Amino acid sequence: MLPHLDDLSALVKAVAREDLLPRFAGTERQFKADGSVVTEADFAVQKRLAARLRELYPEFELLGEEMDAQRQQDLLAQSNRGLWCLDPLDGTSNFAAGLPFFGISLALLIERKPALGVIYDPIRDECFTAQRGRGAWLNGVELRVRPTDLALRHSLAVVDFKRLGPLAPKLAARPPYSSQRNLGSVALEWCWLAAGRFQVYLHGKQKLWDYAAGALILAEAGGHAETLQGEPIFSPELQPRSVVAAGDARLFADWKVWLTEHSSDTNSP
């Protein structure tokens, strides 16, 4: 039997309240070997959640972002029996800078696919959840993507230019959308797309813990996502994945057409 989403939500909220928020904008940033930012809060949240999940659900191992890559790979190799996938602080750069847009992302992989997802935004007290085949919710209220009559040229896009290679200047020079943002928390970007707060999405490189819960939430809300190569988003591996997504099916098709026409020399993963 799967853990109950209400129980997982309560656990994630408690850890955010006790281990994350007290450190907001008051912790020093460090840099990993790949140049990404990490803080004391990342480690504190991962340690606390790992311990509590082990107590409550000893049958499942945990793969966390702040973990040795070899250990992550070993866990994925044996993930058929169930595996937590945790980003303890998604949006670390925002968190360290005092920008109020970050969250905790937790997914449970069963048979190497996301079965449950919880993403919590402690600043807005918004908890997004999903269960495969059952739906998605925002603070317990069903979350469904609403169809839109907006054309692509009138849509609001969230685009991370940094990881798009040759496609980035094409988007900057002649954007096919009306306006663009980059919010700095991948997990919450998935959720905000599902909630209809923007219409189209593009990201060049997301790791497993970035998208495992968010992609499930969007899919269960009725949204659409693929890689730039037209492959399914989820893959139980450490290799980063690109993301093309939209809530509305028609906008998704138009977005893919534009990107396909302009991506012939782009080699994003």
Protein backbone atom coordinates (compact mmCIF):
# COMPACT_ATOMS: atom_id res chain seq x y z
CA MET A 1 0.00 0.00 0.00
CA LEU A 2 1.24 3.47 -0.87
CA PRO A 3 1.80 6.08 1.82
CA HIS A 4 -1.07 8.54 2.18
CA LEU A 5 -0.53 11.91 0.53
CA ASP A 6 -1.97 13.74 3.54
CA ASP A 7 0.65 12.14 5.79
CA LEU A 8 3.48 12.98 3.40
CA SER A 9 2.25 16.55 3.04
CA ALA A 10 2.12 16.99 6.80
CA LEU A 11 5.65 15.65 7.14
CA VAL A 12 7.09 17.91 4.41
CA LYS A 13 5.31 20.95 5.87
CA ALA A 14 6.68 20.25 9.34
CA VAL A 15 10.23 19.93 8.08
CA ALA A 16 9.86 23.14 6.05
CA ARG A 17 8.56 24.98 9.10
CA GLU A 18 11.19 23.67 11.52
CA ASP A 19 14.32 23.17 9.39
CA LEU A 20 13.94 25.33 6.29
CA LEU A 21 12.20 28.62 7.04
CA PRO A 22 14.30 29.51 10.12
CA ARG A 23 17.35 29.51 7.83
CA PHE A 24 15.77 31.60 5.04
CA ALA A 25 18.10 34.39 3.91
CA GLY A 26 20.28 33.76 6.93
CA THR A 27 22.56 30.97 5.79
CA GLU A 28 25.80 31.17 3.85
CA ARG A 29 25.96 29.75 0.37
CA GLN A 30 28.62 27.32 -0.81
CA PHE A 31 29.38 26.07 -4.30
CA LYS A 32 29.47 22.50 -5.54
CA ALA A 33 31.96 21.21 -8.09
CA ASP A 34 29.48 21.94 -10.90
CA GLY A 35 29.09 25.55 -9.76
CA SER A 36 25.58 25.16 -8.33
CA VAL A 37 24.73 26.66 -4.94
CA VAL A 38 24.19 24.64 -1.76
CA THR A 39 23.46 25.79 1.79
CA GLU A 40 23.22 24.39 5.29
CA ALA A 41 19.45 24.26 4.76
CA ASP A 42 19.78 21.75 1.89
CA PHE A 43 21.65 19.33 4.12
CA ALA A 44 19.46 19.92 7.18
CA VAL A 45 16.22 19.25 5.31
CA GLN A 46 17.61 16.16 3.58
CA LYS A 47 18.92 14.74 6.86
CA ARG A 48 15.64 15.34 8.68
CA LEU A 49 13.41 13.95 5.93
CA ALA A 50 15.65 10.95 5.37
CA ALA A 51 15.44 10.06 9.06
CA ARG A 52 11.67 10.52 9.31
CA LEU A 53 10.93 8.63 6.10
CA ARG A 54 13.14 5.77 7.27
CA GLU A 55 11.18 5.60 10.52
CA LEU A 56 7.77 5.75 8.88
CA TYR A 57 8.41 3.77 5.69
CA PRO A 58 11.43 1.51 6.23
CA GLU A 59 10.63 -0.47 3.08
CA PHE A 60 11.76 2.43 0.85
CA GLU A 61 15.27 3.80 0.36
CA LEU A 62 15.88 7.50 -0.30
CA LEU A 63 17.78 9.16 -3.13
CA GLY A 64 18.55 12.78 -2.32
CA GLU A 65 20.16 15.54 -4.35
CA GLU A 66 22.79 16.15 -1.66
CA MET A 67 24.17 12.63 -1.92
CA ASP A 68 27.21 11.09 -3.55
CA ALA A 69 26.61 10.36 -7.25
CA GLN A 70 27.75 6.76 -6.94
CA ARG A 71 25.28 6.18 -4.12
CA GLN A 72 22.54 7.75 -6.24
CA GLN A 73 23.39 5.42 -9.12
CA ASP A 74 23.40 2.37 -6.85
CA LEU A 75 19.97 3.29 -5.50
CA LEU A 76 18.52 3.74 -8.98
CA ALA A 77 19.82 0.31 -9.96
CA GLN A 78 17.70 -1.30 -7.24
CA SER A 79 14.71 1.07 -7.38
CA ASN A 80 12.10 -1.50 -8.47
CA ARG A 81 11.13 -2.06 -4.85
CA GLY A 82 10.37 1.63 -4.29
CA LEU A 83 12.55 4.69 -3.90
CA TRP A 84 12.03 8.19 -2.54
CA CYS A 85 13.46 10.93 -4.75
CA LEU A 86 14.10 14.15 -2.84
CA ASP A 87 15.16 17.67 -3.67
CA PRO A 88 15.45 19.09 -0.15
CA LEU A 89 15.59 22.69 -1.33
CA ASP A 90 14.64 23.44 -4.90
CA GLY A 91 15.55 27.04 -5.65
CA THR A 92 18.63 27.20 -3.43
CA SER A 93 19.98 30.32 -5.14
CA ASN A 94 16.69 32.12 -4.50
CA PHE A 95 16.70 30.91 -0.89
CA ALA A 96 20.25 32.10 -0.23
CA ALA A 97 19.56 35.49 -1.83
CA GLY A 98 16.36 36.10 0.11
CA LEU A 99 14.07 35.66 -2.90
CA PRO A 100 10.81 34.06 -1.68
CA PHE A 101 10.44 31.36 -4.33
CA PHE A 102 11.67 27.92 -3.33
CA GLY A 103 10.32 24.64 -2.04
CA ILE A 104 10.77 21.01 -1.09
CA SER A 105 10.10 18.33 -3.72
CA LEU A 106 9.50 14.67 -2.85
CA ALA A 107 8.47 11.82 -5.15
CA LEU A 108 8.01 8.11 -4.55
CA LEU A 109 9.13 5.93 -7.45
CA ILE A 110 7.46 2.54 -7.74
CA GLU A 111 8.62 0.18 -10.48
CA ARG A 112 10.91 2.99 -11.65
CA LYS A 113 8.06 5.47 -12.25
CA PRO A 114 6.69 8.30 -10.08
CA ALA A 115 3.70 7.09 -8.09
CA LEU A 116 3.36 9.96 -5.61
CA GLY A 117 4.53 13.56 -5.67
CA VAL A 118 4.57 16.33 -3.05
CA ILE A 119 5.93 19.83 -3.66
CA TYR A 120 5.59 22.41 -0.90
CA ASP A 121 6.02 26.16 -1.15
CA PRO A 122 6.41 27.30 2.48
CA ILE A 123 6.26 31.01 1.69
CA ARG A 124 2.76 30.76 0.19
CA ASP A 125 1.75 27.67 2.16
CA GLU A 126 0.88 25.92 -1.09
CA CYS A 127 1.20 22.15 -1.16
CA PHE A 128 0.89 20.51 -4.58
CA THR A 129 0.33 16.75 -4.59
CA ALA A 130 -0.38 13.97 -7.09
CA GLN A 131 -0.92 10.23 -7.23
CA ARG A 132 -0.42 8.37 -10.48
CA GLY A 133 -3.76 7.59 -12.06
CA ARG A 134 -5.72 9.39 -9.33
CA GLY A 135 -5.20 13.10 -9.97
CA ALA A 136 -3.45 16.18 -8.65
CA TRP A 137 -4.36 18.63 -5.90
CA LEU A 138 -3.42 22.04 -4.52
CA ASN A 139 -3.97 22.23 -0.77
CA GLY A 140 -6.42 19.35 -1.08
CA VAL A 141 -8.49 20.91 -3.88
CA GLU A 142 -8.45 19.11 -7.24
CA LEU A 143 -6.00 20.68 -9.67
CA ARG A 144 -6.95 20.58 -13.34
CA VAL A 145 -5.39 22.45 -16.26
CA ARG A 146 -7.92 24.77 -17.82
CA PRO A 147 -8.08 24.99 -21.63
CA THR A 148 -7.19 28.41 -22.97
CA ASP A 149 -8.03 30.30 -26.12
CA LEU A 150 -4.73 32.19 -26.00
CA ALA A 151 -2.54 31.95 -29.06
CA LEU A 152 1.13 31.13 -28.55
CA ARG A 153 2.05 34.71 -29.44
CA HIS A 154 -0.13 35.96 -26.55
CA SER A 155 1.07 33.43 -23.96
CA LEU A 156 3.31 33.87 -20.93
CA ALA A 157 6.37 31.60 -21.03
CA VAL A 158 8.79 30.44 -18.37
CA VAL A 159 12.12 29.76 -20.08
CA ASP A 160 15.55 28.98 -18.61
CA PHE A 161 17.90 30.40 -21.25
CA LYS A 162 21.12 29.30 -19.54
CA ARG A 163 20.92 25.67 -20.62
CA LEU A 164 19.47 25.99 -24.13
CA GLY A 165 22.60 26.47 -26.21
CA PRO A 166 22.03 27.86 -29.75
CA LEU A 167 18.27 27.93 -29.22
CA ALA A 168 18.55 30.69 -26.59
CA PRO A 169 19.51 33.59 -28.90
CA LYS A 170 16.75 32.60 -31.33
CA LEU A 171 14.18 32.81 -28.56
CA ALA A 172 15.61 36.10 -27.34
CA ALA A 173 15.72 37.70 -30.78
CA ARG A 174 12.29 36.61 -32.04
CA PRO A 175 10.24 35.15 -29.19
CA PRO A 176 7.06 33.36 -30.27
CA TYR A 177 5.32 34.25 -26.98
CA SER A 178 4.20 37.55 -25.47
CA SER A 179 6.33 37.67 -22.32
CA GLN A 180 8.93 35.53 -20.54
CA ARG A 181 9.99 34.76 -16.98
CA ASN A 182 12.57 32.53 -15.25
CA LEU A 183 11.46 31.83 -11.69
CA GLY A 184 14.44 29.92 -10.30
CA SER A 185 12.68 26.89 -8.79
CA VAL A 186 12.08 24.08 -11.25
CA ALA A 187 9.74 22.17 -8.93
CA LEU A 188 7.47 25.17 -8.41
CA GLU A 189 7.58 26.01 -12.10
CA TRP A 190 6.00 22.61 -12.86
CA CYS A 191 3.32 23.33 -10.28
CA TRP A 192 2.61 26.86 -11.44
CA LEU A 193 2.20 25.61 -14.99
CA ALA A 194 -0.31 23.02 -13.73
CA ALA A 195 -2.12 25.82 -11.89
CA GLY A 196 -2.36 27.93 -15.07
CA ARG A 197 -0.15 30.76 -13.85
CA PHE A 198 1.72 30.72 -17.15
CA GLN A 199 1.10 28.84 -20.39
CA VAL A 200 4.30 27.38 -21.88
CA TYR A 201 7.57 26.13 -20.43
CA LEU A 202 11.07 25.32 -21.64
CA HIS A 203 14.12 24.11 -19.74
CA GLY A 204 17.32 22.63 -21.13
CA LYS A 205 18.57 20.42 -18.30
CA GLN A 206 16.67 19.02 -15.34
CA LYS A 207 17.86 16.25 -13.09
CA LEU A 208 15.72 13.45 -11.73
CA TRP A 209 14.98 15.16 -8.40
CA ASP A 210 14.08 18.37 -10.25
CA TYR A 211 11.24 16.87 -12.26
CA ALA A 212 10.13 13.57 -10.66
CA ALA A 213 7.34 15.07 -8.54
CA GLY A 214 6.60 18.06 -10.76
CA ALA A 215 6.16 16.11 -13.98
CA LEU A 216 3.71 13.80 -12.21
CA ILE A 217 1.73 16.76 -10.86
CA LEU A 218 1.47 18.37 -14.30
CA ALA A 219 0.52 15.09 -15.99
CA GLU A 220 -2.14 14.27 -13.41
CA ALA A 221 -3.54 17.80 -13.74
CA GLY A 222 -3.97 17.18 -17.47
CA GLY A 223 -0.90 19.02 -18.78
CA HIS A 224 1.56 17.98 -21.45
CA ALA A 225 5.35 17.59 -21.48
CA GLU A 226 8.13 16.01 -23.54
CA THR A 227 11.86 16.46 -24.03
CA LEU A 228 13.13 18.57 -26.91
CA GLN A 229 13.59 15.30 -28.79
CA GLY A 230 9.95 14.33 -28.29
CA GLU A 231 10.66 11.66 -25.67
CA PRO A 232 8.70 11.08 -22.44
CA ILE A 233 9.99 13.31 -19.64
CA PHE A 234 10.59 10.69 -16.99
CA SER A 235 13.59 8.41 -17.16
CA PRO A 236 15.01 6.71 -14.04
CA GLU A 237 18.57 7.87 -14.60
CA LEU A 238 20.94 10.63 -13.50
CA GLN A 239 21.40 12.07 -17.00
CA PRO A 240 19.68 15.49 -17.23
CA ARG A 241 16.57 15.85 -19.39
CA SER A 242 15.24 18.80 -21.37
CA VAL A 243 11.61 19.86 -20.92
CA VAL A 244 9.05 21.29 -23.31
CA ALA A 245 5.66 21.70 -21.64
CA ALA A 246 2.30 23.44 -21.69
CA GLY A 247 -1.00 23.06 -19.94
CA ASP A 248 -3.25 23.34 -22.99
CA ALA A 249 -2.94 20.64 -25.69
CA ARG A 250 -3.24 23.07 -28.60
CA LEU A 251 -0.64 25.44 -27.18
CA PHE A 252 1.65 22.48 -26.53
CA ALA A 253 1.40 21.44 -30.18
CA ASP A 254 2.10 24.99 -31.40
CA TRP A 255 5.02 25.37 -28.96
CA LYS A 256 6.57 22.09 -30.19
CA VAL A 257 6.21 23.13 -33.82
CA TRP A 258 8.05 26.40 -33.23
CA LEU A 259 10.82 24.70 -31.25
CA THR A 260 11.23 21.93 -33.81
CA GLU A 261 11.55 24.45 -36.61
CA HIS A 262 14.21 26.42 -34.69
CA SER A 263 16.11 23.57 -32.99
CA SER A 264 17.86 21.94 -35.93
CA ASP A 265 21.29 22.97 -34.61
CA THR A 266 20.46 22.58 -30.91
CA ASN A 267 21.75 19.56 -29.00
CA SER A 268 20.13 20.00 -25.61
CA PRO A 269 19.81 16.74 -23.66
